[in-house]
Amino acid sequence: MKCIFCNKPVHGANGMSIAGIGVAHQQCFIANEALRRTFQNLDIRALNDQELVELKDLVLAEENSRRPPGDVDEIELF
């Protein structure tokens, strides 16, 4: 079988099966995941500029809400 990313043969422990897609080299899969810029099925590249800003604000708000009270290192200005 051939890797779905590089189209070279996949042998032994070097390969992996991706459900619903096919087989791939582990290194090819990891490189593809990094280039796609996805997080839990959210394709960040598909967001427009406004949506990306809103996502950033949501992430910052969530990080701030998880900090213990009184744990202020720096002031973040928007």
Protein backbone atom coordinates (compact mmCIF):
# COMPACT_ATOMS: atom_id res chain seq x y z
CA MET A 1 0.00 0.00 0.00
CA LYS A 2 1.10 3.56 -0.64
CA CYS A 3 1.12 6.57 1.68
CA ILE A 4 -1.77 8.92 0.95
CA PHE A 5 0.53 11.92 1.43
CA CYS A 6 3.81 11.05 -0.34
CA ASN A 7 2.59 8.15 -2.50
CA LYS A 8 5.56 5.95 -1.46
CA PRO A 9 5.18 2.37 -0.16
CA VAL A 10 4.39 1.99 3.54
CA HIS A 11 6.14 -0.87 5.37
CA GLY A 12 5.92 -2.25 8.92
CA ALA A 13 5.95 -0.10 12.05
CA ASN A 14 6.74 2.98 9.98
CA GLY A 15 3.13 3.14 8.81
CA MET A 16 -0.26 3.76 10.30
CA SER A 17 -3.86 3.37 9.24
CA ILE A 18 -6.04 6.48 9.18
CA ALA A 19 -9.70 5.59 9.57
CA GLY A 20 -11.74 6.43 6.51
CA ILE A 21 -8.72 7.70 4.56
CA GLY A 22 -6.06 5.01 4.11
CA VAL A 23 -2.50 4.27 5.16
CA ALA A 24 0.31 6.75 5.72
CA HIS A 25 3.80 7.09 7.12
CA GLN A 26 3.71 8.40 10.68
CA GLN A 27 6.06 11.25 9.73
CA CYS A 28 3.90 12.23 6.73
CA PHE A 29 0.77 12.26 8.90
CA ILE A 30 2.40 14.44 11.58
CA ALA A 31 3.73 16.88 8.96
CA ASN A 32 0.32 17.10 7.30
CA GLU A 33 -1.41 17.78 10.62
CA ALA A 34 1.01 20.62 11.38
CA LEU A 35 0.55 22.20 7.95
CA ARG A 36 -3.24 21.95 8.00
CA ARG A 37 -3.49 24.06 11.17
CA THR A 38 -6.42 22.19 12.61
CA PHE A 39 -7.46 21.69 16.20
CA GLN A 40 -10.11 19.11 17.06
CA ASN A 41 -11.59 19.24 13.55
CA LEU A 42 -11.55 23.06 13.44
CA ASP A 43 -9.70 24.22 10.31
CA ILE A 44 -8.19 27.51 11.43
CA ARG A 45 -7.23 28.44 7.85
CA ALA A 46 -10.92 28.42 6.90
CA LEU A 47 -11.72 31.26 9.34
CA ASN A 48 -11.95 34.79 7.99
CA ASP A 49 -10.07 37.61 9.75
CA GLN A 50 -12.99 38.59 11.98
CA GLU A 51 -13.65 34.99 13.04
CA LEU A 52 -9.97 34.51 13.83
CA VAL A 53 -9.96 37.62 16.07
CA GLU A 54 -13.10 36.36 17.85
CA LEU A 55 -11.50 32.94 18.38
CA LYS A 56 -8.37 34.57 19.80
CA ASP A 57 -10.48 36.66 22.20
CA LEU A 58 -12.38 33.56 23.34
CA VAL A 59 -9.15 31.66 23.98
CA LEU A 60 -7.66 34.57 25.95
CA ALA A 61 -10.84 34.93 28.00
CA GLU A 62 -10.83 31.20 28.78
CA GLU A 63 -7.15 31.28 29.80
CA ASN A 64 -7.83 34.24 32.09
CA SER A 65 -10.83 32.54 33.68
CA ARG A 66 -8.73 29.49 34.53
CA ARG A 67 -6.07 31.45 36.39
CA PRO A 68 -6.29 31.35 40.16
CA PRO A 69 -7.40 34.64 41.76
CA GLY A 70 -4.48 36.92 42.52
CA ASP A 71 -2.21 35.21 39.97
CA VAL A 72 -1.59 38.30 37.83
CA ASP A 73 1.78 38.38 36.09
CA GLU A 74 1.16 41.07 33.54
CA ILE A 75 -1.64 43.27 32.31
CA GLU A 76 -2.92 42.41 28.89
CA LEU A 77 -4.19 45.31 26.82
CA PHE A 78 -6.54 44.85 23.89
